[in-house]
Amino acid sequence: MKNPCAQFTVIDGGKEELECKKHSLFNQPWVFSFDEFEQLCEQFDVPRAEAFDLQLKCIQHKAKTNSEAAAVFAVMSGTKKASDAIAQLRRNRFRLETSLPLSLPQSSQPNDEADV
């Protein structure tokens, strides 16, 4: 027979630090790296659906300064603004790509004029 033994999790810091991380996870999840976020969700037995909601909070926070995140947030949150956000992102991309200075094509031959 196998001896049942308790599993222990080693936690850096103390109980106060753990409570602080738990508070931050549910109130400011964007302060954690992706790996640390996943680790804390496992440690606190956060259901997958709630973890997705917390990740959506991270995207929402980033959407304030990033147009790509704003488009992703609009789509994931299911708002009616999704198509507007995506259209704005496309317009911004197009404007960036076309704002480069124009350069006329150059001939590879010197004095390449009409030789008739």
Protein backbone atom coordinates (compact mmCIF):
# COMPACT_ATOMS: atom_id res chain seq x y z
CA MET A 1 0.00 0.00 0.00
CA LYS A 2 1.07 3.49 -0.70
CA ASN A 3 1.43 5.94 2.12
CA PRO A 4 -0.78 8.94 1.51
CA CYS A 5 1.25 12.04 2.08
CA ALA A 6 0.26 15.65 1.99
CA GLN A 7 1.51 17.81 -0.83
CA PHE A 8 3.08 21.08 0.12
CA THR A 9 3.60 24.14 -1.98
CA VAL A 10 6.63 26.25 -1.24
CA ILE A 11 5.70 29.92 -1.31
CA ASP A 12 8.27 32.68 -1.52
CA GLY A 13 7.64 35.33 1.10
CA GLY A 14 5.00 35.02 3.75
CA LYS A 15 1.27 34.95 4.09
CA GLU A 16 1.03 38.75 3.73
CA GLU A 17 2.86 38.70 0.40
CA LEU A 18 0.62 35.88 -0.80
CA GLU A 19 -2.51 37.83 0.16
CA CYS A 20 -1.11 40.91 -1.60
CA LYS A 21 -0.51 38.88 -4.78
CA LYS A 22 -4.02 37.44 -4.56
CA HIS A 23 -5.48 40.93 -4.20
CA SER A 24 -3.43 42.17 -7.17
CA LEU A 25 -4.41 39.15 -9.27
CA PHE A 26 -8.10 39.95 -8.94
CA ASN A 27 -7.79 43.76 -9.07
CA GLN A 28 -4.73 44.52 -11.23
CA PRO A 29 -3.89 41.35 -13.16
CA TRP A 30 -1.86 43.31 -15.72
CA VAL A 31 1.00 43.79 -13.23
CA PHE A 32 2.05 40.14 -13.61
CA SER A 33 3.96 38.51 -16.43
CA PHE A 34 2.06 35.85 -18.36
CA ASP A 35 3.90 32.98 -16.64
CA GLU A 36 3.41 34.44 -13.17
CA PHE A 37 -0.26 35.08 -13.95
CA GLU A 38 -0.77 31.43 -14.97
CA GLN A 39 1.13 30.23 -11.90
CA LEU A 40 -0.97 32.33 -9.53
CA CYS A 41 -4.21 31.18 -11.17
CA GLU A 42 -3.17 27.58 -10.57
CA GLN A 43 -2.02 28.32 -7.03
CA PHE A 44 -5.32 29.98 -6.07
CA ASP A 45 -7.43 27.42 -7.98
CA VAL A 46 -8.96 30.11 -10.18
CA PRO A 47 -11.53 28.54 -12.52
CA ARG A 48 -10.60 28.77 -16.20
CA ALA A 49 -13.60 30.99 -17.01
CA GLU A 50 -12.56 33.47 -14.33
CA ALA A 51 -8.95 33.38 -15.54
CA PHE A 52 -10.18 34.34 -19.02
CA ASP A 53 -12.10 37.25 -17.49
CA LEU A 54 -8.94 38.37 -15.70
CA GLN A 55 -7.00 38.15 -18.97
CA LEU A 56 -9.70 40.27 -20.58
CA LYS A 57 -9.08 42.85 -17.83
CA CYS A 58 -5.40 42.86 -18.85
CA ILE A 59 -6.35 43.47 -22.49
CA GLN A 60 -8.78 46.20 -21.44
CA HIS A 61 -6.01 47.92 -19.49
CA LYS A 62 -3.63 47.74 -22.46
CA ALA A 63 -6.40 48.93 -24.82
CA LYS A 64 -6.11 52.41 -23.33
CA THR A 65 -2.75 52.90 -25.04
CA ASN A 66 -2.66 50.30 -27.84
CA SER A 67 -5.02 50.28 -30.82
CA GLU A 68 -4.46 46.56 -31.50
CA ALA A 69 -5.42 45.73 -27.92
CA ALA A 70 -8.47 47.98 -28.28
CA ALA A 71 -9.62 46.01 -31.33
CA VAL A 72 -9.03 42.67 -29.61
CA PHE A 73 -10.87 43.89 -26.51
CA ALA A 74 -13.83 45.08 -28.58
CA VAL A 75 -14.11 41.70 -30.29
CA MET A 76 -13.64 39.64 -27.13
CA SER A 77 -16.02 41.71 -25.04
CA GLY A 78 -18.68 41.39 -27.74
CA THR A 79 -19.55 45.05 -27.91
CA LYS A 80 -21.16 46.65 -30.93
CA LYS A 81 -18.03 48.78 -31.22
CA ALA A 82 -16.00 45.80 -32.46
CA SER A 83 -16.39 46.61 -36.15
CA ASP A 84 -15.59 50.28 -35.50
CA ALA A 85 -12.46 49.38 -33.54
CA ILE A 86 -11.25 47.02 -36.27
CA ALA A 87 -11.98 49.59 -38.98
CA GLN A 88 -10.05 52.24 -37.05
CA LEU A 89 -7.14 49.84 -36.63
CA ARG A 90 -7.11 49.20 -40.39
CA ARG A 91 -7.23 52.93 -41.12
CA ASN A 92 -4.34 53.55 -38.74
CA ARG A 93 -2.31 50.75 -40.31
CA PHE A 94 -3.02 51.99 -43.80
CA ARG A 95 -2.04 55.53 -42.88
CA LEU A 96 1.24 54.31 -41.39
CA GLU A 97 2.10 52.26 -44.45
CA THR A 98 1.30 55.01 -46.93
CA SER A 99 2.95 57.84 -45.03
CA LEU A 100 6.42 56.80 -46.16
CA PRO A 101 8.10 59.27 -48.55
CA LEU A 102 7.56 58.46 -52.19
CA SER A 103 10.53 57.46 -54.27
CA LEU A 104 10.37 57.37 -58.02
CA PRO A 105 11.66 54.27 -59.79
CA GLN A 106 15.21 54.69 -60.98
CA SER A 107 16.56 53.26 -64.20
CA SER A 108 19.47 50.88 -63.99
CA GLN A 109 21.00 52.30 -67.19
CA PRO A 110 22.77 55.66 -67.13
CA ASN A 111 21.13 58.23 -69.39
CA ASP A 112 18.34 55.80 -70.17
CA GLU A 113 16.34 57.99 -72.47
CA ALA A 114 14.43 57.11 -75.56
CA ASP A 115 17.01 55.90 -78.10
CA VAL A 116 15.20 55.92 -81.39
